[in-house]
Amino acid sequence: MSSVLTILALATTILGSAQAAGSASYSFNLVSPNLAKAENAVPGTPIGVGDVLRLTGSGAFDGTSAIATGGGSFTHYRPNGSVLARGIWLVTGFQSFKSYGGPNPGAQGGLLLVTVTLIGPEATFAGLTLQVSCLINAPAGAPEEGTTLPGFFQEPTGGTTLFHLTN
């Protein structure tokens, strides 16, 4: 009987270790303000060609449990530099993460897709995809460093990001 208990205890320990090793949690920071430019006008929105979105903020996520949190502020600029809108952005869902690894837990590269909502006094835009790209250890062909809202603000034009492995 004691050998059965020993085997069960060992199996539970091994299973627990495997689950812990397979579930990685991360945080991310927009280290400096991130800028992305609209390449096209977006019908039904105030977004025009050359408009720029400036994001600041941070968040955390766990790909295994598909949970993400975070947010920050945004400013939407016209090509002439005038401000069209300001507000906050909130992470409302996890989509995917591809880790590129890195030299240490505090400096990791990867490609994160999360669902966000932009909330401003003028309007709220829900269900948007935010792409966060950090080029540490990135393979050839990886998206440029920075943040974009695919379909809206597609071209990263400034800013840096960083992922941190938290477990």
C-alpha atoms as a PDB file:
ATOM      1  CA  MET A   1       0.000   0.000   0.000  1.00  0.00           C
ATOM      2  CA  SER A   2       2.798   2.440   0.839  1.00  0.00           C
ATOM      3  CA  SER A   3       4.391   1.895  -2.621  1.00  0.00           C
ATOM      4  CA  VAL A   4       1.059   2.815  -4.265  1.00  0.00           C
ATOM      5  CA  LEU A   5       0.897   6.005  -2.169  1.00  0.00           C
ATOM      6  CA  THR A   6       4.523   6.784  -3.026  1.00  0.00           C
ATOM      7  CA  ILE A   7       3.826   6.331  -6.755  1.00  0.00           C
ATOM      8  CA  LEU A   8       0.684   8.510  -6.520  1.00  0.00           C
ATOM      9  CA  ALA A   9       2.597  11.206  -4.629  1.00  0.00           C
ATOM     10  CA  LEU A  10       5.408  11.101  -7.202  1.00  0.00           C
ATOM     11  CA  ALA A  11       2.958  11.248 -10.114  1.00  0.00           C
ATOM     12  CA  THR A  12       1.176  14.231  -8.530  1.00  0.00           C
ATOM     13  CA  THR A  13       4.504  16.028  -8.039  1.00  0.00           C
ATOM     14  CA  ILE A  14       5.598  15.364 -11.616  1.00  0.00           C
ATOM     15  CA  LEU A  15       2.204  16.434 -13.021  1.00  0.00           C
ATOM     16  CA  GLY A  16       2.233  19.602 -10.924  1.00  0.00           C
ATOM     17  CA  SER A  17       5.752  20.458 -12.121  1.00  0.00           C
ATOM     18  CA  ALA A  18       4.803  19.850 -15.747  1.00  0.00           C
ATOM     19  CA  GLN A  19       1.746  22.093 -15.425  1.00  0.00           C
ATOM     20  CA  ALA A  20       3.802  24.859 -13.788  1.00  0.00           C
ATOM     21  CA  ALA A  21       6.498  24.625 -16.461  1.00  0.00           C
ATOM     22  CA  GLY A  22       3.891  24.774 -19.240  1.00  0.00           C
ATOM     23  CA  SER A  23       2.113  27.830 -17.905  1.00  0.00           C
ATOM     24  CA  ALA A  24       4.072  31.026 -18.279  1.00  0.00           C
ATOM     25  CA  SER A  25       2.785  34.347 -17.033  1.00  0.00           C
ATOM     26  CA  TYR A  26       4.108  37.624 -18.410  1.00  0.00           C
ATOM     27  CA  SER A  27       3.769  41.327 -17.945  1.00  0.00           C
ATOM     28  CA  PHE A  28       4.353  43.905 -20.663  1.00  0.00           C
ATOM     29  CA  ASN A  29       5.265  47.560 -20.719  1.00  0.00           C
ATOM     30  CA  LEU A  30       5.075  50.199 -23.376  1.00  0.00           C
ATOM     31  CA  VAL A  31       8.476  51.476 -22.249  1.00  0.00           C
ATOM     32  CA  SER A  32       8.143  54.753 -24.093  1.00  0.00           C
ATOM     33  CA  PRO A  33       5.028  56.146 -25.779  1.00  0.00           C
ATOM     34  CA  ASN A  34       4.205  53.976 -28.771  1.00  0.00           C
ATOM     35  CA  LEU A  35       3.073  55.580 -32.017  1.00  0.00           C
ATOM     36  CA  ALA A  36       1.280  53.972 -34.952  1.00  0.00           C
ATOM     37  CA  LYS A  37       0.105  55.617 -38.161  1.00  0.00           C
ATOM     38  CA  ALA A  38      -3.047  54.961 -40.194  1.00  0.00           C
ATOM     39  CA  GLU A  39      -2.145  53.951 -43.736  1.00  0.00           C
ATOM     40  CA  ASN A  40      -5.748  54.238 -44.933  1.00  0.00           C
ATOM     41  CA  ALA A  41      -8.927  56.078 -44.002  1.00  0.00           C
ATOM     42  CA  VAL A  42     -11.292  53.780 -42.123  1.00  0.00           C
ATOM     43  CA  PRO A  43     -14.930  54.192 -43.222  1.00  0.00           C
ATOM     44  CA  GLY A  44     -17.378  54.728 -40.360  1.00  0.00           C
ATOM     45  CA  THR A  45     -14.622  56.029 -38.045  1.00  0.00           C
ATOM     46  CA  PRO A  46     -12.872  59.376 -37.648  1.00  0.00           C
ATOM     47  CA  ILE A  47      -9.563  57.770 -38.739  1.00  0.00           C
ATOM     48  CA  GLY A  48      -7.956  59.374 -41.793  1.00  0.00           C
ATOM     49  CA  VAL A  49      -4.812  58.689 -43.804  1.00  0.00           C
ATOM     50  CA  GLY A  50      -1.748  59.742 -41.820  1.00  0.00           C
ATOM     51  CA  ASP A  51      -3.515  59.963 -38.449  1.00  0.00           C
ATOM     52  CA  VAL A  52      -1.364  58.833 -35.526  1.00  0.00           C
ATOM     53  CA  LEU A  53      -2.323  56.931 -32.377  1.00  0.00           C
ATOM     54  CA  ARG A  54      -0.124  57.401 -29.295  1.00  0.00           C
ATOM     55  CA  LEU A  55      -0.370  54.745 -26.572  1.00  0.00           C
ATOM     56  CA  THR A  56       1.125  54.476 -23.097  1.00  0.00           C
ATOM     57  CA  GLY A  57       0.461  51.694 -20.595  1.00  0.00           C
ATOM     58  CA  SER A  58       1.157  48.182 -19.421  1.00  0.00           C
ATOM     59  CA  GLY A  59      -0.488  44.871 -18.629  1.00  0.00           C
ATOM     60  CA  ALA A  60      -0.146  41.212 -17.747  1.00  0.00           C
ATOM     61  CA  PHE A  61      -1.295  37.936 -19.254  1.00  0.00           C
ATOM     62  CA  ASP A  62      -1.224  34.171 -18.917  1.00  0.00           C
ATOM     63  CA  GLY A  63      -1.520  32.315 -22.200  1.00  0.00           C
ATOM     64  CA  THR A  64      -2.405  29.005 -20.583  1.00  0.00           C
ATOM     65  CA  SER A  65      -5.472  30.375 -18.829  1.00  0.00           C
ATOM     66  CA  ALA A  66      -6.126  32.890 -21.662  1.00  0.00           C
ATOM     67  CA  ILE A  67      -6.411  35.780 -19.227  1.00  0.00           C
ATOM     68  CA  ALA A  68      -5.103  39.291 -19.871  1.00  0.00           C
ATOM     69  CA  THR A  69      -5.395  42.617 -18.074  1.00  0.00           C
ATOM     70  CA  GLY A  70      -3.979  46.061 -18.612  1.00  0.00           C
ATOM     71  CA  GLY A  71      -4.513  49.445 -20.082  1.00  0.00           C
ATOM     72  CA  GLY A  72      -3.263  52.961 -20.382  1.00  0.00           C
ATOM     73  CA  SER A  73      -3.951  56.186 -22.201  1.00  0.00           C
ATOM     74  CA  PHE A  74      -4.299  57.088 -25.865  1.00  0.00           C
ATOM     75  CA  THR A  75      -4.195  60.235 -27.954  1.00  0.00           C
ATOM     76  CA  HIS A  76      -5.409  60.326 -31.572  1.00  0.00           C
ATOM     77  CA  TYR A  77      -3.597  62.978 -33.642  1.00  0.00           C
ATOM     78  CA  ARG A  78      -4.378  64.342 -37.093  1.00  0.00           C
ATOM     79  CA  PRO A  79      -1.468  64.581 -39.587  1.00  0.00           C
ATOM     80  CA  ASN A  80      -1.090  68.307 -38.761  1.00  0.00           C
ATOM     81  CA  GLY A  81      -0.486  67.424 -35.069  1.00  0.00           C
ATOM     82  CA  SER A  82      -3.863  68.562 -33.760  1.00  0.00           C
ATOM     83  CA  VAL A  83      -5.539  66.301 -31.202  1.00  0.00           C
ATOM     84  CA  LEU A  84      -8.724  64.615 -32.369  1.00  0.00           C
ATOM     85  CA  ALA A  85      -9.383  62.496 -29.268  1.00  0.00           C
ATOM     86  CA  ARG A  86      -7.916  61.442 -25.918  1.00  0.00           C
ATOM     87  CA  GLY A  87      -8.928  58.712 -23.537  1.00  0.00           C
ATOM     88  CA  ILE A  88      -8.030  55.378 -22.047  1.00  0.00           C
ATOM     89  CA  TRP A  89      -7.621  51.881 -23.420  1.00  0.00           C
ATOM     90  CA  LEU A  90      -8.414  48.702 -21.510  1.00  0.00           C
ATOM     91  CA  VAL A  91      -7.466  45.095 -22.238  1.00  0.00           C
ATOM     92  CA  THR A  92     -10.686  43.074 -22.382  1.00  0.00           C
ATOM     93  CA  GLY A  93      -9.415  39.717 -23.652  1.00  0.00           C
ATOM     94  CA  PHE A  94      -6.459  37.515 -24.559  1.00  0.00           C
ATOM     95  CA  GLN A  95      -5.963  36.318 -28.153  1.00  0.00           C
ATOM     96  CA  SER A  96      -2.444  34.874 -28.519  1.00  0.00           C
ATOM     97  CA  PHE A  97       1.214  35.185 -27.565  1.00  0.00           C
ATOM     98  CA  LYS A  98       4.308  33.954 -29.362  1.00  0.00           C
ATOM     99  CA  SER A  99       7.383  34.095 -27.129  1.00  0.00           C
ATOM    100  CA  TYR A 100      10.783  34.819 -28.673  1.00  0.00           C
ATOM    101  CA  GLY A 101      12.591  34.263 -25.368  1.00  0.00           C
ATOM    102  CA  GLY A 102      15.301  36.552 -24.103  1.00  0.00           C
ATOM    103  CA  PRO A 103      18.505  36.920 -22.124  1.00  0.00           C
ATOM    104  CA  ASN A 104      16.737  36.944 -18.741  1.00  0.00           C
ATOM    105  CA  PRO A 105      13.190  36.915 -17.278  1.00  0.00           C
ATOM    106  CA  GLY A 106      13.090  40.733 -17.225  1.00  0.00           C
ATOM    107  CA  ALA A 107      13.892  41.122 -20.915  1.00  0.00           C
ATOM    108  CA  GLN A 108      11.808  38.925 -23.197  1.00  0.00           C
ATOM    109  CA  GLY A 109      10.690  39.341 -26.782  1.00  0.00           C
ATOM    110  CA  GLY A 110       7.461  38.220 -28.357  1.00  0.00           C
ATOM    111  CA  LEU A 111       4.289  39.022 -30.212  1.00  0.00           C
ATOM    112  CA  LEU A 112       1.093  39.565 -28.206  1.00  0.00           C
ATOM    113  CA  LEU A 113      -2.445  39.998 -29.501  1.00  0.00           C
ATOM    114  CA  VAL A 114      -5.086  41.175 -27.032  1.00  0.00           C
ATOM    115  CA  THR A 115      -8.586  42.551 -27.385  1.00  0.00           C
ATOM    116  CA  VAL A 116      -8.969  46.153 -26.236  1.00  0.00           C
ATOM    117  CA  THR A 117     -11.568  48.869 -25.834  1.00  0.00           C
ATOM    118  CA  LEU A 118     -10.723  52.538 -26.438  1.00  0.00           C
ATOM    119  CA  ILE A 119     -12.852  54.862 -24.314  1.00  0.00           C
ATOM    120  CA  GLY A 120     -12.952  58.586 -24.924  1.00  0.00           C
ATOM    121  CA  PRO A 121     -15.419  61.394 -24.385  1.00  0.00           C
ATOM    122  CA  GLU A 122     -16.190  61.413 -28.122  1.00  0.00           C
ATOM    123  CA  ALA A 123     -16.752  57.670 -28.631  1.00  0.00           C
ATOM    124  CA  THR A 124     -15.984  54.144 -27.450  1.00  0.00           C
ATOM    125  CA  PHE A 125     -14.510  51.512 -29.749  1.00  0.00           C
ATOM    126  CA  ALA A 126     -14.771  47.959 -28.389  1.00  0.00           C
ATOM    127  CA  GLY A 127     -13.473  44.620 -29.658  1.00  0.00           C
ATOM    128  CA  LEU A 128     -10.313  45.970 -31.307  1.00  0.00           C
ATOM    129  CA  THR A 129      -7.110  43.939 -31.603  1.00  0.00           C
ATOM    130  CA  LEU A 130      -3.955  45.450 -30.110  1.00  0.00           C
ATOM    131  CA  GLN A 131      -0.680  43.969 -31.347  1.00  0.00           C
ATOM    132  CA  VAL A 132       2.338  44.405 -29.059  1.00  0.00           C
ATOM    133  CA  SER A 133       5.690  43.439 -30.584  1.00  0.00           C
ATOM    134  CA  CYS A 134       9.086  43.304 -28.856  1.00  0.00           C
ATOM    135  CA  LEU A 135      12.050  42.348 -31.034  1.00  0.00           C
ATOM    136  CA  ILE A 136      14.340  40.802 -28.386  1.00  0.00           C
ATOM    137  CA  ASN A 137      15.396  37.409 -29.859  1.00  0.00           C
ATOM    138  CA  ALA A 138      12.923  37.932 -32.724  1.00  0.00           C
ATOM    139  CA  PRO A 139      13.109  35.683 -35.776  1.00  0.00           C
ATOM    140  CA  ALA A 140      13.546  37.138 -39.256  1.00  0.00           C
ATOM    141  CA  GLY A 141      10.292  38.576 -40.547  1.00  0.00           C
ATOM    142  CA  ALA A 142       8.855  39.403 -37.117  1.00  0.00           C
ATOM    143  CA  PRO A 143       6.593  42.486 -36.991  1.00  0.00           C
ATOM    144  CA  GLU A 144       8.307  45.794 -36.189  1.00  0.00           C
ATOM    145  CA  GLU A 145       8.829  46.863 -32.574  1.00  0.00           C
ATOM    146  CA  GLY A 146       5.866  48.698 -31.102  1.00  0.00           C
ATOM    147  CA  THR A 147       2.103  48.582 -31.025  1.00  0.00           C
ATOM    148  CA  THR A 148      -0.523  48.614 -33.757  1.00  0.00           C
ATOM    149  CA  LEU A 149      -4.279  48.306 -34.080  1.00  0.00           C
ATOM    150  CA  PRO A 150      -4.484  46.120 -37.209  1.00  0.00           C
ATOM    151  CA  GLY A 151      -7.027  47.487 -39.664  1.00  0.00           C
ATOM    152  CA  PHE A 152      -6.850  50.958 -38.111  1.00  0.00           C
ATOM    153  CA  PHE A 153      -3.351  52.117 -37.120  1.00  0.00           C
ATOM    154  CA  GLN A 154      -1.176  49.596 -38.991  1.00  0.00           C
ATOM    155  CA  GLU A 155       2.291  51.152 -39.162  1.00  0.00           C
ATOM    156  CA  PRO A 156       4.399  51.387 -35.988  1.00  0.00           C
ATOM    157  CA  THR A 157       6.322  54.669 -36.103  1.00  0.00           C
ATOM    158  CA  GLY A 158       7.949  54.909 -32.676  1.00  0.00           C
ATOM    159  CA  GLY A 159       8.232  53.585 -29.172  1.00  0.00           C
ATOM    160  CA  THR A 160       9.572  50.488 -27.483  1.00  0.00           C
ATOM    161  CA  THR A 161       7.976  47.574 -25.674  1.00  0.00           C
ATOM    162  CA  LEU A 162       9.185  44.887 -23.300  1.00  0.00           C
ATOM    163  CA  PHE A 163       7.848  41.579 -21.977  1.00  0.00           C
ATOM    164  CA  HIS A 164       8.768  40.233 -18.536  1.00  0.00           C
ATOM    165  CA  LEU A 165       8.480  36.551 -17.611  1.00  0.00           C
ATOM    166  CA  THR A 166       6.821  36.543 -14.172  1.00  0.00           C
ATOM    167  CA  ASN A 167       6.793  32.797 -13.430  1.00  0.00           C
END
